[in-house]
Amino acid sequence: MADPRARHVSQTASQTTTETTDDTSPQPSDGADRVHVCRSTTLPRAQYRFYRALLLAFLERGAPPDRELLDQHARRFGVDLEATLTTLATHDLVQRHPATGAIRAAYPFSGMPTPHRLVHDH
């Protein structure tokens, strides 16, 4: 049986894009190469893929991705890391530590303990 946490991220990703295909790649929205992430935000496809990988890293690690992993994802998707993180933060898709720039949260994931808990019946 598939990990239910992975199913949740997949559902979240499919709900935040306009349409998905069999390979879960979102279809372009308004622009030729832009993807709807939420009601008010579109991202270039490469930045969307980076963002999705960032979300999956939270799920897989149980913590925010570190700088090394972010660098790897930036190279993998061909995006400028700082420009992409700035874009994501501007659109409130991620929150960064003001002094270090480290990822602190990427909705629905938090890198810091919160009073919110997920209860899952096995």
N, C-alpha and C. Protein backbone atom coordinates (compact mmCIF):
# COMPACT_ATOMS: atom_id res chain seq x y z
N MET A 1 0.84 -1.19 0.00
CA MET A 1 0.00 0.00 0.00
C MET A 1 0.88 1.24 0.00
N ALA A 2 0.50 2.24 -0.76
CA ALA A 2 1.27 3.49 -0.84
C ALA A 2 1.24 4.22 0.49
N ASP A 3 2.27 4.95 0.74
CA ASP A 3 2.37 5.77 1.95
C ASP A 3 1.29 6.84 1.89
N PRO A 4 0.39 6.92 2.89
CA PRO A 4 -0.69 7.92 2.84
C PRO A 4 -0.18 9.34 2.84
N ARG A 5 1.00 9.58 3.40
CA ARG A 5 1.54 10.94 3.37
C ARG A 5 1.86 11.34 1.95
N ALA A 6 2.40 10.42 1.16
CA ALA A 6 2.71 10.72 -0.24
C ALA A 6 1.43 11.02 -1.02
N ARG A 7 0.37 10.29 -0.72
CA ARG A 7 -0.90 10.54 -1.38
C ARG A 7 -1.39 11.95 -1.07
N HIS A 8 -1.21 12.39 0.18
CA HIS A 8 -1.63 13.74 0.57
C HIS A 8 -0.90 14.80 -0.23
N VAL A 9 0.41 14.66 -0.37
CA VAL A 9 1.16 15.64 -1.15
C VAL A 9 0.71 15.61 -2.60
N SER A 10 0.50 14.42 -3.13
CA SER A 10 0.04 14.31 -4.50
C SER A 10 -1.31 15.00 -4.66
N GLN A 11 -2.22 14.79 -3.71
CA GLN A 11 -3.51 15.44 -3.78
C GLN A 11 -3.35 16.95 -3.66
N THR A 12 -2.47 17.39 -2.77
CA THR A 12 -2.24 18.81 -2.61
C THR A 12 -1.71 19.40 -3.91
N ALA A 13 -0.74 18.73 -4.52
CA ALA A 13 -0.16 19.23 -5.77
C ALA A 13 -1.22 19.28 -6.86
N SER A 14 -2.08 18.25 -6.95
CA SER A 14 -3.08 18.24 -8.01
C SER A 14 -4.15 19.30 -7.77
N GLN A 15 -4.42 19.64 -6.52
CA GLN A 15 -5.42 20.65 -6.23
C GLN A 15 -4.90 22.06 -6.51
N THR A 16 -3.59 22.24 -6.47
CA THR A 16 -3.06 23.58 -6.63
C THR A 16 -2.69 23.89 -8.07
N THR A 17 -2.80 22.92 -8.96
CA THR A 17 -2.53 23.19 -10.36
C THR A 17 -3.84 23.15 -11.14
N THR A 18 -3.83 23.70 -12.32
CA THR A 18 -5.06 23.77 -13.10
C THR A 18 -5.47 22.40 -13.63
N GLU A 19 -4.50 21.55 -13.91
CA GLU A 19 -4.80 20.27 -14.51
C GLU A 19 -3.55 19.41 -14.39
N THR A 20 -3.73 18.10 -14.27
CA THR A 20 -2.56 17.22 -14.25
C THR A 20 -2.70 16.20 -15.36
N THR A 21 -1.56 15.63 -15.74
CA THR A 21 -1.55 14.58 -16.74
C THR A 21 -1.15 13.29 -16.07
N ASP A 22 -1.07 12.22 -16.83
CA ASP A 22 -0.72 10.92 -16.26
C ASP A 22 0.60 10.94 -15.52
N ASP A 23 1.57 11.75 -15.96
CA ASP A 23 2.86 11.80 -15.29
C ASP A 23 2.90 12.87 -14.20
N THR A 24 1.74 13.37 -13.81
CA THR A 24 1.55 14.40 -12.78
C THR A 24 2.22 15.72 -13.12
N SER A 25 2.58 15.93 -14.37
CA SER A 25 3.13 17.22 -14.78
C SER A 25 1.97 18.18 -15.01
N PRO A 26 1.99 19.33 -14.35
CA PRO A 26 0.89 20.27 -14.55
C PRO A 26 0.91 20.86 -15.95
N GLN A 27 -0.27 21.22 -16.40
CA GLN A 27 -0.39 21.85 -17.70
C GLN A 27 -0.19 23.35 -17.55
N PRO A 28 0.31 24.02 -18.58
CA PRO A 28 0.46 25.47 -18.49
C PRO A 28 -0.90 26.12 -18.25
N SER A 29 -0.87 27.26 -17.60
CA SER A 29 -2.11 27.99 -17.37
C SER A 29 -2.13 29.21 -18.25
N ASP A 30 -2.22 30.41 -17.70
CA ASP A 30 -2.37 31.63 -18.47
C ASP A 30 -1.26 31.83 -19.51
N GLY A 31 0.00 31.72 -19.09
CA GLY A 31 1.12 31.95 -19.98
C GLY A 31 1.51 30.68 -20.68
N ALA A 32 2.41 30.81 -21.62
CA ALA A 32 2.84 29.66 -22.39
C ALA A 32 3.54 28.62 -21.52
N ASP A 33 4.24 29.06 -20.48
CA ASP A 33 4.98 28.11 -19.66
C ASP A 33 4.79 28.42 -18.18
N ARG A 34 3.57 28.78 -17.78
CA ARG A 34 3.29 29.11 -16.38
C ARG A 34 2.28 28.12 -15.83
N VAL A 35 2.38 27.86 -14.54
CA VAL A 35 1.52 26.90 -13.88
C VAL A 35 0.82 27.60 -12.70
N HIS A 36 -0.48 27.41 -12.58
CA HIS A 36 -1.20 27.92 -11.41
C HIS A 36 -0.79 27.11 -10.19
N VAL A 37 -0.35 27.80 -9.15
CA VAL A 37 0.02 27.14 -7.90
C VAL A 37 -1.10 27.31 -6.89
N CYS A 38 -1.73 28.45 -6.91
CA CYS A 38 -2.91 28.73 -6.08
C CYS A 38 -3.73 29.77 -6.82
N ARG A 39 -4.78 30.25 -6.21
CA ARG A 39 -5.67 31.19 -6.91
C ARG A 39 -4.97 32.43 -7.44
N SER A 40 -4.00 32.92 -6.67
CA SER A 40 -3.40 34.20 -7.05
C SER A 40 -1.97 34.08 -7.57
N THR A 41 -1.46 32.88 -7.68
CA THR A 41 -0.04 32.74 -8.05
C THR A 41 0.15 31.76 -9.19
N THR A 42 0.93 32.20 -10.17
CA THR A 42 1.43 31.28 -11.19
C THR A 42 2.95 31.35 -11.14
N LEU A 43 3.57 30.26 -11.52
CA LEU A 43 5.03 30.18 -11.57
C LEU A 43 5.44 29.64 -12.92
N PRO A 44 6.63 30.03 -13.39
CA PRO A 44 7.18 29.34 -14.55
C PRO A 44 7.30 27.85 -14.22
N ARG A 45 7.13 27.01 -15.21
CA ARG A 45 7.13 25.56 -15.00
C ARG A 45 8.36 25.09 -14.22
N ALA A 46 9.54 25.58 -14.53
CA ALA A 46 10.76 25.12 -13.84
C ALA A 46 10.70 25.49 -12.35
N GLN A 47 10.23 26.70 -12.04
CA GLN A 47 10.11 27.09 -10.64
C GLN A 47 9.04 26.27 -9.93
N TYR A 48 7.95 25.94 -10.63
CA TYR A 48 6.92 25.07 -10.05
C TYR A 48 7.51 23.70 -9.70
N ARG A 49 8.27 23.15 -10.60
CA ARG A 49 8.87 21.83 -10.34
C ARG A 49 9.83 21.89 -9.16
N PHE A 50 10.59 22.97 -9.06
CA PHE A 50 11.46 23.16 -7.90
C PHE A 50 10.63 23.22 -6.63
N TYR A 51 9.55 23.99 -6.64
CA TYR A 51 8.67 24.13 -5.48
C TYR A 51 8.08 22.78 -5.07
N ARG A 52 7.64 22.02 -6.04
CA ARG A 52 7.07 20.69 -5.75
C ARG A 52 8.13 19.79 -5.13
N ALA A 53 9.35 19.84 -5.63
CA ALA A 53 10.44 19.04 -5.06
C ALA A 53 10.73 19.48 -3.62
N LEU A 54 10.64 20.78 -3.37
CA LEU A 54 10.84 21.30 -2.02
C LEU A 54 9.77 20.73 -1.08
N LEU A 55 8.51 20.71 -1.52
CA LEU A 55 7.44 20.14 -0.71
C LEU A 55 7.67 18.66 -0.45
N LEU A 56 8.07 17.94 -1.47
CA LEU A 56 8.32 16.51 -1.30
C LEU A 56 9.49 16.26 -0.35
N ALA A 57 10.47 17.15 -0.36
CA ALA A 57 11.60 17.01 0.57
C ALA A 57 11.13 17.13 2.02
N PHE A 58 10.21 18.03 2.29
CA PHE A 58 9.64 18.13 3.64
C PHE A 58 9.02 16.79 4.04
N LEU A 59 8.27 16.22 3.12
CA LEU A 59 7.59 14.96 3.40
C LEU A 59 8.59 13.83 3.64
N GLU A 60 9.57 13.72 2.78
CA GLU A 60 10.54 12.63 2.87
C GLU A 60 11.47 12.76 4.07
N ARG A 61 11.86 13.97 4.40
CA ARG A 61 12.84 14.20 5.46
C ARG A 61 12.20 14.49 6.82
N GLY A 62 10.95 14.94 6.81
CA GLY A 62 10.32 15.37 8.04
C GLY A 62 10.89 16.68 8.54
N ALA A 63 11.54 17.40 7.65
CA ALA A 63 12.21 18.67 7.98
C ALA A 63 12.41 19.43 6.68
N PRO A 64 12.72 20.72 6.79
CA PRO A 64 12.97 21.48 5.56
C PRO A 64 14.23 21.00 4.86
N PRO A 65 14.27 21.16 3.55
CA PRO A 65 15.50 20.79 2.82
C PRO A 65 16.64 21.73 3.20
N ASP A 66 17.84 21.17 3.28
CA ASP A 66 19.01 22.00 3.59
C ASP A 66 19.53 22.66 2.31
N ARG A 67 20.50 23.51 2.47
CA ARG A 67 21.04 24.28 1.34
C ARG A 67 21.57 23.36 0.24
N GLU A 68 22.23 22.28 0.63
CA GLU A 68 22.79 21.36 -0.36
C GLU A 68 21.68 20.76 -1.24
N LEU A 69 20.60 20.34 -0.63
CA LEU A 69 19.49 19.76 -1.39
C LEU A 69 18.82 20.83 -2.26
N LEU A 70 18.67 22.03 -1.72
CA LEU A 70 18.11 23.12 -2.53
C LEU A 70 18.98 23.41 -3.74
N ASP A 71 20.30 23.42 -3.55
CA ASP A 71 21.23 23.62 -4.67
C ASP A 71 21.06 22.52 -5.72
N GLN A 72 20.93 21.27 -5.26
CA GLN A 72 20.75 20.15 -6.19
C GLN A 72 19.47 20.31 -6.99
N HIS A 73 18.39 20.67 -6.32
CA HIS A 73 17.11 20.86 -7.02
C HIS A 73 17.19 22.03 -8.00
N ALA A 74 17.85 23.10 -7.61
CA ALA A 74 17.99 24.25 -8.51
C ALA A 74 18.72 23.85 -9.79
N ARG A 75 19.80 23.10 -9.64
CA ARG A 75 20.53 22.62 -10.83
C ARG A 75 19.66 21.66 -11.64
N ARG A 76 18.96 20.77 -10.96
CA ARG A 76 18.12 19.77 -11.64
C ARG A 76 17.05 20.43 -12.51
N PHE A 77 16.44 21.51 -11.99
CA PHE A 77 15.35 22.14 -12.71
C PHE A 77 15.77 23.39 -13.47
N GLY A 78 17.06 23.71 -13.42
CA GLY A 78 17.59 24.82 -14.20
C GLY A 78 17.08 26.19 -13.77
N VAL A 79 16.99 26.39 -12.44
CA VAL A 79 16.53 27.68 -11.93
C VAL A 79 17.63 28.31 -11.09
N ASP A 80 17.59 29.63 -11.01
CA ASP A 80 18.49 30.35 -10.12
C ASP A 80 17.93 30.21 -8.71
N LEU A 81 18.71 29.64 -7.79
CA LEU A 81 18.21 29.32 -6.46
C LEU A 81 17.69 30.54 -5.72
N GLU A 82 18.50 31.57 -5.59
CA GLU A 82 18.08 32.74 -4.80
C GLU A 82 16.89 33.45 -5.43
N ALA A 83 16.89 33.59 -6.73
CA ALA A 83 15.75 34.23 -7.39
C ALA A 83 14.47 33.42 -7.20
N THR A 84 14.57 32.11 -7.28
CA THR A 84 13.40 31.25 -7.11
C THR A 84 12.89 31.30 -5.68
N LEU A 85 13.81 31.22 -4.70
CA LEU A 85 13.38 31.30 -3.30
C LEU A 85 12.76 32.66 -3.00
N THR A 86 13.29 33.71 -3.58
CA THR A 86 12.71 35.03 -3.39
C THR A 86 11.30 35.09 -3.98
N THR A 87 11.12 34.54 -5.16
CA THR A 87 9.80 34.49 -5.78
C THR A 87 8.82 33.71 -4.91
N LEU A 88 9.24 32.54 -4.43
CA LEU A 88 8.37 31.72 -3.59
C LEU A 88 8.00 32.45 -2.31
N ALA A 89 8.96 33.14 -1.71
CA ALA A 89 8.69 33.89 -0.47
C ALA A 89 7.78 35.08 -0.74
N THR A 90 7.98 35.76 -1.85
CA THR A 90 7.15 36.91 -2.22
C THR A 90 5.69 36.49 -2.35
N HIS A 91 5.46 35.30 -2.87
CA HIS A 91 4.09 34.79 -3.06
C HIS A 91 3.61 34.00 -1.85
N ASP A 92 4.36 34.06 -0.75
CA ASP A 92 4.01 33.39 0.51
C ASP A 92 3.88 31.88 0.36
N LEU A 93 4.64 31.31 -0.55
CA LEU A 93 4.65 29.86 -0.71
C LEU A 93 5.68 29.21 0.22
N VAL A 94 6.68 29.98 0.60
CA VAL A 94 7.65 29.53 1.60
C VAL A 94 7.91 30.68 2.56
N GLN A 95 8.37 30.33 3.74
CA GLN A 95 8.84 31.32 4.70
C GLN A 95 10.30 31.01 4.99
N ARG A 96 11.11 32.08 5.02
CA ARG A 96 12.54 31.91 5.23
C ARG A 96 12.96 32.58 6.52
N HIS A 97 14.00 32.05 7.12
CA HIS A 97 14.57 32.67 8.32
C HIS A 97 15.16 34.01 7.89
N PRO A 98 14.83 35.09 8.60
CA PRO A 98 15.29 36.41 8.16
C PRO A 98 16.81 36.58 8.17
N ALA A 99 17.50 35.91 9.06
CA ALA A 99 18.96 36.09 9.14
C ALA A 99 19.71 35.11 8.25
N THR A 100 19.26 33.85 8.19
CA THR A 100 20.02 32.83 7.46
C THR A 100 19.47 32.53 6.07
N GLY A 101 18.20 32.84 5.85
CA GLY A 101 17.57 32.52 4.57
C GLY A 101 17.11 31.08 4.47
N ALA A 102 17.34 30.29 5.52
CA ALA A 102 16.92 28.89 5.52
C ALA A 102 15.40 28.81 5.42
N ILE A 103 14.91 27.75 4.79
CA ILE A 103 13.48 27.53 4.68
C ILE A 103 12.94 27.18 6.06
N ARG A 104 11.93 27.91 6.50
CA ARG A 104 11.28 27.63 7.79
C ARG A 104 9.95 26.93 7.60
N ALA A 105 9.27 27.21 6.51
CA ALA A 105 7.97 26.60 6.26
C ALA A 105 7.65 26.67 4.77
N ALA A 106 6.89 25.71 4.32
CA ALA A 106 6.33 25.69 2.97
C ALA A 106 4.98 25.01 3.11
N TYR A 107 3.93 25.82 3.12
CA TYR A 107 2.60 25.31 3.42
C TYR A 107 2.32 24.03 2.65
N PRO A 108 1.85 22.99 3.30
CA PRO A 108 1.36 22.89 4.67
C PRO A 108 2.42 22.45 5.69
N PHE A 109 3.68 22.47 5.32
CA PHE A 109 4.73 21.96 6.19
C PHE A 109 5.43 23.07 6.95
N SER A 110 5.77 22.78 8.20
CA SER A 110 6.53 23.70 9.02
C SER A 110 7.84 23.03 9.42
N GLY A 111 8.91 23.79 9.36
CA GLY A 111 10.21 23.27 9.78
C GLY A 111 10.44 23.41 11.27
N MET A 112 9.51 24.06 11.95
CA MET A 112 9.62 24.26 13.39
C MET A 112 8.42 23.58 14.04
N PRO A 113 8.59 23.05 15.24
CA PRO A 113 7.45 22.44 15.92
C PRO A 113 6.32 23.45 16.11
N THR A 114 5.09 22.99 15.88
CA THR A 114 3.90 23.81 16.09
C THR A 114 2.92 23.00 16.95
N PRO A 115 1.89 23.65 17.47
CA PRO A 115 0.91 22.90 18.26
C PRO A 115 0.01 22.02 17.40
N HIS A 116 0.08 22.16 16.08
CA HIS A 116 -0.77 21.37 15.18
C HIS A 116 -0.20 19.97 15.02
N ARG A 117 -1.05 18.98 15.07
CA ARG A 117 -0.64 17.59 14.93
C ARG A 117 -1.56 16.89 13.94
N LEU A 118 -1.00 15.97 13.21
CA LEU A 118 -1.76 15.14 12.30
C LEU A 118 -1.91 13.77 12.95
N VAL A 119 -3.13 13.30 13.04
CA VAL A 119 -3.40 11.98 13.60
C VAL A 119 -3.82 11.10 12.45
N HIS A 120 -3.18 9.96 12.33
CA HIS A 120 -3.45 9.05 11.22
C HIS A 120 -3.72 7.67 11.77
N ASP A 121 -4.88 7.12 11.44
CA ASP A 121 -5.20 5.74 11.82
C ASP A 121 -4.60 4.81 10.80
N HIS A 122 -3.85 3.84 11.29
CA HIS A 122 -3.19 2.90 10.36
C HIS A 122 -4.13 1.87 9.90
